[in-house]
């Protein structure tokens, strides 16, 4: 399954290139190393009377996440402050834009805020494939979305592995104040 999802990630890159007005192989040339891609199988037990949270609200820190979910559902995406269920359909793959694409596109595309809510009746099973970039890759808004069109960058540059290390610290040493959780806004520049 892993090689097929890598190919699906490459197709997603081509679609993003087209949507962003970039040359057809632009993102593939930027992101040609597949060594940081990974996949997880997830199982969520049925909700209890006091707890239905599967995974709390978050954005993914990679480029694109591909999700294959069973018929139980539970994946929700936040739009305009409201949670919208992603209704499962056979043979469908959910594609979430993630933080790296948000930065590279200088906010032309936004990372999908999502969560998983557990069902009361059934366990939920899903696979998530994280199409990433190599750890030593420098991430900053592409000039096509800044200098070349007269816009200021909305993010300062960073090494991908440094961002991933900070995200891991959020999990291993959670801050006492939720506002102190590191996410992509850590690199945001004030444009005012």
C-alpha atoms as a PDB file:
ATOM      1  CA  UNK A   1       0.000   0.000   0.000  1.00  0.00           C
ATOM      2  CA  UNK A   2       2.871   2.378   0.847  1.00  0.00           C
ATOM      3  CA  UNK A   3       4.225   2.651  -2.748  1.00  0.00           C
ATOM      4  CA  UNK A   4       0.725   3.339  -4.088  1.00  0.00           C
ATOM      5  CA  UNK A   5       0.200   6.113  -1.565  1.00  0.00           C
ATOM      6  CA  UNK A   6       3.578   7.617  -2.542  1.00  0.00           C
ATOM      7  CA  UNK A   7       2.330   7.703  -6.146  1.00  0.00           C
ATOM      8  CA  UNK A   8      -0.959   9.242  -4.969  1.00  0.00           C
ATOM      9  CA  UNK A   9       1.080  11.912  -3.157  1.00  0.00           C
ATOM     10  CA  UNK A  10       2.882  12.660  -6.420  1.00  0.00           C
ATOM     11  CA  UNK A  11      -0.490  13.053  -8.157  1.00  0.00           C
ATOM     12  CA  UNK A  12      -1.583  15.446  -5.381  1.00  0.00           C
ATOM     13  CA  UNK A  13       1.604  17.454  -6.009  1.00  0.00           C
ATOM     14  CA  UNK A  14       0.767  17.725  -9.726  1.00  0.00           C
ATOM     15  CA  UNK A  15      -2.744  18.926  -8.886  1.00  0.00           C
ATOM     16  CA  UNK A  16      -1.317  21.483  -6.440  1.00  0.00           C
ATOM     17  CA  UNK A  17       1.158  22.659  -9.107  1.00  0.00           C
ATOM     18  CA  UNK A  18      -1.738  23.214 -11.496  1.00  0.00           C
ATOM     19  CA  UNK A  19      -3.898  24.992  -8.899  1.00  0.00           C
ATOM     20  CA  UNK A  20      -0.999  27.237  -7.863  1.00  0.00           C
ATOM     21  CA  UNK A  21       0.061  28.028 -11.430  1.00  0.00           C
ATOM     22  CA  UNK A  22       3.434  26.307 -11.017  1.00  0.00           C
ATOM     23  CA  UNK A  23       5.232  24.208 -13.668  1.00  0.00           C
ATOM     24  CA  UNK A  24       3.975  20.571 -13.762  1.00  0.00           C
ATOM     25  CA  UNK A  25       6.951  19.007 -11.902  1.00  0.00           C
ATOM     26  CA  UNK A  26       7.763  21.961  -9.641  1.00  0.00           C
ATOM     27  CA  UNK A  27       6.837  20.402  -6.283  1.00  0.00           C
ATOM     28  CA  UNK A  28       8.279  17.016  -7.266  1.00  0.00           C
ATOM     29  CA  UNK A  29      11.637  18.669  -8.019  1.00  0.00           C
ATOM     30  CA  UNK A  30      11.504  20.538  -4.697  1.00  0.00           C
ATOM     31  CA  UNK A  31      10.342  17.453  -2.807  1.00  0.00           C
ATOM     32  CA  UNK A  32      11.969  14.467  -4.526  1.00  0.00           C
ATOM     33  CA  UNK A  33      13.067  12.563  -1.382  1.00  0.00           C
ATOM     34  CA  UNK A  34      10.513  10.119   0.041  1.00  0.00           C
ATOM     35  CA  UNK A  35      12.569   9.052   3.112  1.00  0.00           C
ATOM     36  CA  UNK A  36      10.437  11.008   5.630  1.00  0.00           C
ATOM     37  CA  UNK A  37       7.075   9.715   4.398  1.00  0.00           C
ATOM     38  CA  UNK A  38       5.299   7.435   6.833  1.00  0.00           C
ATOM     39  CA  UNK A  39       2.004   5.670   7.338  1.00  0.00           C
ATOM     40  CA  UNK A  40       0.084   4.766  10.489  1.00  0.00           C
ATOM     41  CA  UNK A  41      -2.822   2.427  11.088  1.00  0.00           C
ATOM     42  CA  UNK A  42      -5.217   3.877  13.651  1.00  0.00           C
ATOM     43  CA  UNK A  43      -7.897   2.222  15.749  1.00  0.00           C
ATOM     44  CA  UNK A  44     -10.293   4.208  17.893  1.00  0.00           C
ATOM     45  CA  UNK A  45     -12.365   2.305  20.413  1.00  0.00           C
ATOM     46  CA  UNK A  46     -16.034   3.288  20.853  1.00  0.00           C
ATOM     47  CA  UNK A  47     -16.704   6.439  22.847  1.00  0.00           C
ATOM     48  CA  UNK A  48     -17.636   6.275  26.494  1.00  0.00           C
ATOM     49  CA  UNK A  49     -20.252   8.392  28.253  1.00  0.00           C
ATOM     50  CA  UNK A  50     -17.552  10.811  29.388  1.00  0.00           C
ATOM     51  CA  UNK A  51     -15.063  10.720  26.505  1.00  0.00           C
ATOM     52  CA  UNK A  52     -15.565  10.816  22.740  1.00  0.00           C
ATOM     53  CA  UNK A  53     -12.339  12.480  21.623  1.00  0.00           C
ATOM     54  CA  UNK A  54     -10.289  10.360  19.230  1.00  0.00           C
ATOM     55  CA  UNK A  55      -7.714  12.971  18.237  1.00  0.00           C
ATOM     56  CA  UNK A  56      -7.992  16.594  19.323  1.00  0.00           C
ATOM     57  CA  UNK A  57      -8.189  19.501  16.893  1.00  0.00           C
ATOM     58  CA  UNK A  58      -4.902  19.957  15.011  1.00  0.00           C
ATOM     59  CA  UNK A  59      -3.186  20.537  11.683  1.00  0.00           C
ATOM     60  CA  UNK A  60      -0.634  18.144  10.201  1.00  0.00           C
ATOM     61  CA  UNK A  61       2.969  19.318   9.941  1.00  0.00           C
ATOM     62  CA  UNK A  62       3.903  17.631   6.662  1.00  0.00           C
ATOM     63  CA  UNK A  63       2.971  18.461   3.015  1.00  0.00           C
ATOM     64  CA  UNK A  64      -0.154  16.423   2.321  1.00  0.00           C
ATOM     65  CA  UNK A  65      -1.929  13.759   4.386  1.00  0.00           C
ATOM     66  CA  UNK A  66      -3.908  10.991   2.706  1.00  0.00           C
ATOM     67  CA  UNK A  67      -6.561   9.328   4.879  1.00  0.00           C
ATOM     68  CA  UNK A  68      -8.361   6.081   4.147  1.00  0.00           C
ATOM     69  CA  UNK A  69     -11.186   5.607   6.644  1.00  0.00           C
ATOM     70  CA  UNK A  70     -13.678   2.830   7.228  1.00  0.00           C
ATOM     71  CA  UNK A  71     -17.463   3.256   7.122  1.00  0.00           C
ATOM     72  CA  UNK A  72     -17.686   4.369  10.772  1.00  0.00           C
ATOM     73  CA  UNK A  73     -16.515   7.921  10.115  1.00  0.00           C
ATOM     74  CA  UNK A  74     -15.528  10.385  12.789  1.00  0.00           C
ATOM     75  CA  UNK A  75     -13.117  12.568  10.834  1.00  0.00           C
ATOM     76  CA  UNK A  76     -14.231  16.211  10.960  1.00  0.00           C
ATOM     77  CA  UNK A  77     -12.799  19.311   9.284  1.00  0.00           C
ATOM     78  CA  UNK A  78     -13.193  22.832  10.652  1.00  0.00           C
ATOM     79  CA  UNK A  79     -14.569  25.423   8.233  1.00  0.00           C
ATOM     80  CA  UNK A  80     -15.606  28.924   9.270  1.00  0.00           C
ATOM     81  CA  UNK A  81     -15.512  27.866  12.931  1.00  0.00           C
ATOM     82  CA  UNK A  82     -17.851  24.894  12.431  1.00  0.00           C
ATOM     83  CA  UNK A  83     -17.035  21.183  12.418  1.00  0.00           C
ATOM     84  CA  UNK A  84     -18.063  19.360   9.242  1.00  0.00           C
ATOM     85  CA  UNK A  85     -18.080  15.538   9.157  1.00  0.00           C
ATOM     86  CA  UNK A  86     -16.071  13.945   6.352  1.00  0.00           C
ATOM     87  CA  UNK A  87     -18.566  11.296   5.296  1.00  0.00           C
ATOM     88  CA  UNK A  88     -16.801   8.028   4.441  1.00  0.00           C
ATOM     89  CA  UNK A  89     -17.313   6.611   0.958  1.00  0.00           C
ATOM     90  CA  UNK A  90     -15.942   3.345  -0.423  1.00  0.00           C
ATOM     91  CA  UNK A  91     -12.702   3.643  -2.415  1.00  0.00           C
ATOM     92  CA  UNK A  92     -12.219   7.320  -1.476  1.00  0.00           C
ATOM     93  CA  UNK A  93      -9.073   8.909  -0.105  1.00  0.00           C
ATOM     94  CA  UNK A  94      -9.335  12.106   1.937  1.00  0.00           C
ATOM     95  CA  UNK A  95      -6.588  14.602   1.036  1.00  0.00           C
ATOM     96  CA  UNK A  96      -5.607  17.137   3.696  1.00  0.00           C
ATOM     97  CA  UNK A  97      -3.329  20.048   2.851  1.00  0.00           C
ATOM     98  CA  UNK A  98      -0.771  20.400   5.635  1.00  0.00           C
ATOM     99  CA  UNK A  99       1.508  23.054   7.135  1.00  0.00           C
ATOM    100  CA  UNK A 100       4.400  22.835   4.660  1.00  0.00           C
ATOM    101  CA  UNK A 101       2.141  23.585   1.675  1.00  0.00           C
ATOM    102  CA  UNK A 102       0.582  26.472   3.624  1.00  0.00           C
ATOM    103  CA  UNK A 103       4.031  28.022   4.097  1.00  0.00           C
ATOM    104  CA  UNK A 104       5.359  27.289   0.584  1.00  0.00           C
ATOM    105  CA  UNK A 105       2.212  28.822  -0.955  1.00  0.00           C
ATOM    106  CA  UNK A 106       2.358  31.826   1.425  1.00  0.00           C
ATOM    107  CA  UNK A 107      -1.192  31.031   2.636  1.00  0.00           C
ATOM    108  CA  UNK A 108      -2.680  30.474  -0.834  1.00  0.00           C
ATOM    109  CA  UNK A 109      -3.586  27.049   0.568  1.00  0.00           C
ATOM    110  CA  UNK A 110      -4.320  26.565   4.260  1.00  0.00           C
ATOM    111  CA  UNK A 111      -3.513  23.561   6.396  1.00  0.00           C
ATOM    112  CA  UNK A 112      -6.700  21.639   7.190  1.00  0.00           C
ATOM    113  CA  UNK A 113      -7.763  21.891  10.837  1.00  0.00           C
ATOM    114  CA  UNK A 114      -9.288  18.537  11.709  1.00  0.00           C
ATOM    115  CA  UNK A 115     -10.075  16.123  14.515  1.00  0.00           C
ATOM    116  CA  UNK A 116     -11.484  12.648  15.077  1.00  0.00           C
ATOM    117  CA  UNK A 117     -14.623  12.092  17.156  1.00  0.00           C
ATOM    118  CA  UNK A 118     -15.257   8.532  18.277  1.00  0.00           C
ATOM    119  CA  UNK A 119     -18.517   6.724  17.556  1.00  0.00           C
ATOM    120  CA  UNK A 120     -20.601   5.420  20.467  1.00  0.00           C
ATOM    121  CA  UNK A 121     -21.310   2.098  18.769  1.00  0.00           C
ATOM    122  CA  UNK A 122     -18.269   0.904  16.838  1.00  0.00           C
ATOM    123  CA  UNK A 123     -14.497   1.029  16.726  1.00  0.00           C
ATOM    124  CA  UNK A 124     -13.095   3.196  13.931  1.00  0.00           C
ATOM    125  CA  UNK A 125     -10.189   2.096  11.741  1.00  0.00           C
ATOM    126  CA  UNK A 126      -8.206   4.265   9.371  1.00  0.00           C
ATOM    127  CA  UNK A 127      -4.861   4.623   7.658  1.00  0.00           C
ATOM    128  CA  UNK A 128      -3.079   7.966   7.465  1.00  0.00           C
ATOM    129  CA  UNK A 129      -0.213   8.461   5.029  1.00  0.00           C
ATOM    130  CA  UNK A 130       1.975  11.500   5.674  1.00  0.00           C
ATOM    131  CA  UNK A 131       3.585  12.721   2.447  1.00  0.00           C
ATOM    132  CA  UNK A 132       6.493  14.728   3.794  1.00  0.00           C
ATOM    133  CA  UNK A 133       9.782  16.341   2.857  1.00  0.00           C
ATOM    134  CA  UNK A 134      13.305  15.453   3.930  1.00  0.00           C
ATOM    135  CA  UNK A 135      14.309  16.733   7.364  1.00  0.00           C
ATOM    136  CA  UNK A 136      17.153  18.929   6.145  1.00  0.00           C
ATOM    137  CA  UNK A 137      14.891  20.748   3.675  1.00  0.00           C
ATOM    138  CA  UNK A 138      14.587  24.518   4.099  1.00  0.00           C
ATOM    139  CA  UNK A 139      10.944  25.641   4.104  1.00  0.00           C
ATOM    140  CA  UNK A 140       9.894  29.197   3.262  1.00  0.00           C
ATOM    141  CA  UNK A 141       7.339  30.811   0.959  1.00  0.00           C
ATOM    142  CA  UNK A 142       8.257  30.301  -2.692  1.00  0.00           C
ATOM    143  CA  UNK A 143       9.247  33.509  -4.531  1.00  0.00           C
ATOM    144  CA  UNK A 144       6.351  32.892  -6.957  1.00  0.00           C
ATOM    145  CA  UNK A 145       4.036  33.861  -4.062  1.00  0.00           C
ATOM    146  CA  UNK A 146       6.148  36.686  -2.601  1.00  0.00           C
ATOM    147  CA  UNK A 147       8.838  38.641  -4.498  1.00  0.00           C
ATOM    148  CA  UNK A 148       7.575  37.820  -7.980  1.00  0.00           C
ATOM    149  CA  UNK A 149       4.093  39.216  -7.242  1.00  0.00           C
ATOM    150  CA  UNK A 150       5.079  41.961  -4.808  1.00  0.00           C
ATOM    151  CA  UNK A 151       3.773  40.252  -1.652  1.00  0.00           C
ATOM    152  CA  UNK A 152       5.605  40.030   1.639  1.00  0.00           C
ATOM    153  CA  UNK A 153       6.324  36.553   2.985  1.00  0.00           C
ATOM    154  CA  UNK A 154       3.920  35.538   5.734  1.00  0.00           C
ATOM    155  CA  UNK A 155       6.449  33.095   7.286  1.00  0.00           C
ATOM    156  CA  UNK A 156      10.126  33.098   8.126  1.00  0.00           C
ATOM    157  CA  UNK A 157      12.091  30.141   6.839  1.00  0.00           C
ATOM    158  CA  UNK A 158      12.908  27.051   8.900  1.00  0.00           C
ATOM    159  CA  UNK A 159      14.421  23.589   8.693  1.00  0.00           C
ATOM    160  CA  UNK A 160      11.708  20.959   8.433  1.00  0.00           C
ATOM    161  CA  UNK A 161      13.361  18.702  11.030  1.00  0.00           C
ATOM    162  CA  UNK A 162      13.439  21.578  13.560  1.00  0.00           C
ATOM    163  CA  UNK A 163       9.708  22.146  13.135  1.00  0.00           C
ATOM    164  CA  UNK A 164       9.015  18.429  13.522  1.00  0.00           C
ATOM    165  CA  UNK A 165      11.169  18.322  16.687  1.00  0.00           C
ATOM    166  CA  UNK A 166       9.129  21.163  18.208  1.00  0.00           C
ATOM    167  CA  UNK A 167       5.874  19.409  17.297  1.00  0.00           C
ATOM    168  CA  UNK A 168       7.160  16.232  18.953  1.00  0.00           C
ATOM    169  CA  UNK A 169       7.970  18.196  22.128  1.00  0.00           C
ATOM    170  CA  UNK A 170       4.320  19.315  22.154  1.00  0.00           C
ATOM    171  CA  UNK A 171       3.442  15.628  22.548  1.00  0.00           C
ATOM    172  CA  UNK A 172       6.231  14.462  24.861  1.00  0.00           C
ATOM    173  CA  UNK A 173       6.243  17.567  27.099  1.00  0.00           C
ATOM    174  CA  UNK A 174       2.854  19.260  26.609  1.00  0.00           C
ATOM    175  CA  UNK A 175       2.849  22.881  27.757  1.00  0.00           C
ATOM    176  CA  UNK A 176       0.537  23.680  30.662  1.00  0.00           C
ATOM    177  CA  UNK A 177      -1.070  26.499  28.670  1.00  0.00           C
ATOM    178  CA  UNK A 178      -2.628  25.306  25.373  1.00  0.00           C
ATOM    179  CA  UNK A 179      -1.676  28.644  23.777  1.00  0.00           C
ATOM    180  CA  UNK A 180       1.980  27.630  24.163  1.00  0.00           C
ATOM    181  CA  UNK A 181       1.652  24.650  21.815  1.00  0.00           C
ATOM    182  CA  UNK A 182       4.015  25.148  18.874  1.00  0.00           C
ATOM    183  CA  UNK A 183       2.387  25.055  15.447  1.00  0.00           C
ATOM    184  CA  UNK A 184       3.054  26.741  12.122  1.00  0.00           C
ATOM    185  CA  UNK A 185       2.086  30.165  13.502  1.00  0.00           C
ATOM    186  CA  UNK A 186       5.406  30.000  15.411  1.00  0.00           C
ATOM    187  CA  UNK A 187       7.039  31.002  12.106  1.00  0.00           C
ATOM    188  CA  UNK A 188       4.442  33.587  11.064  1.00  0.00           C
ATOM    189  CA  UNK A 189       5.671  37.089  10.295  1.00  0.00           C
ATOM    190  CA  UNK A 190       3.714  40.190  11.158  1.00  0.00           C
ATOM    191  CA  UNK A 191       2.830  41.969   7.930  1.00  0.00           C
ATOM    192  CA  UNK A 192       1.272  45.037   9.516  1.00  0.00           C
END
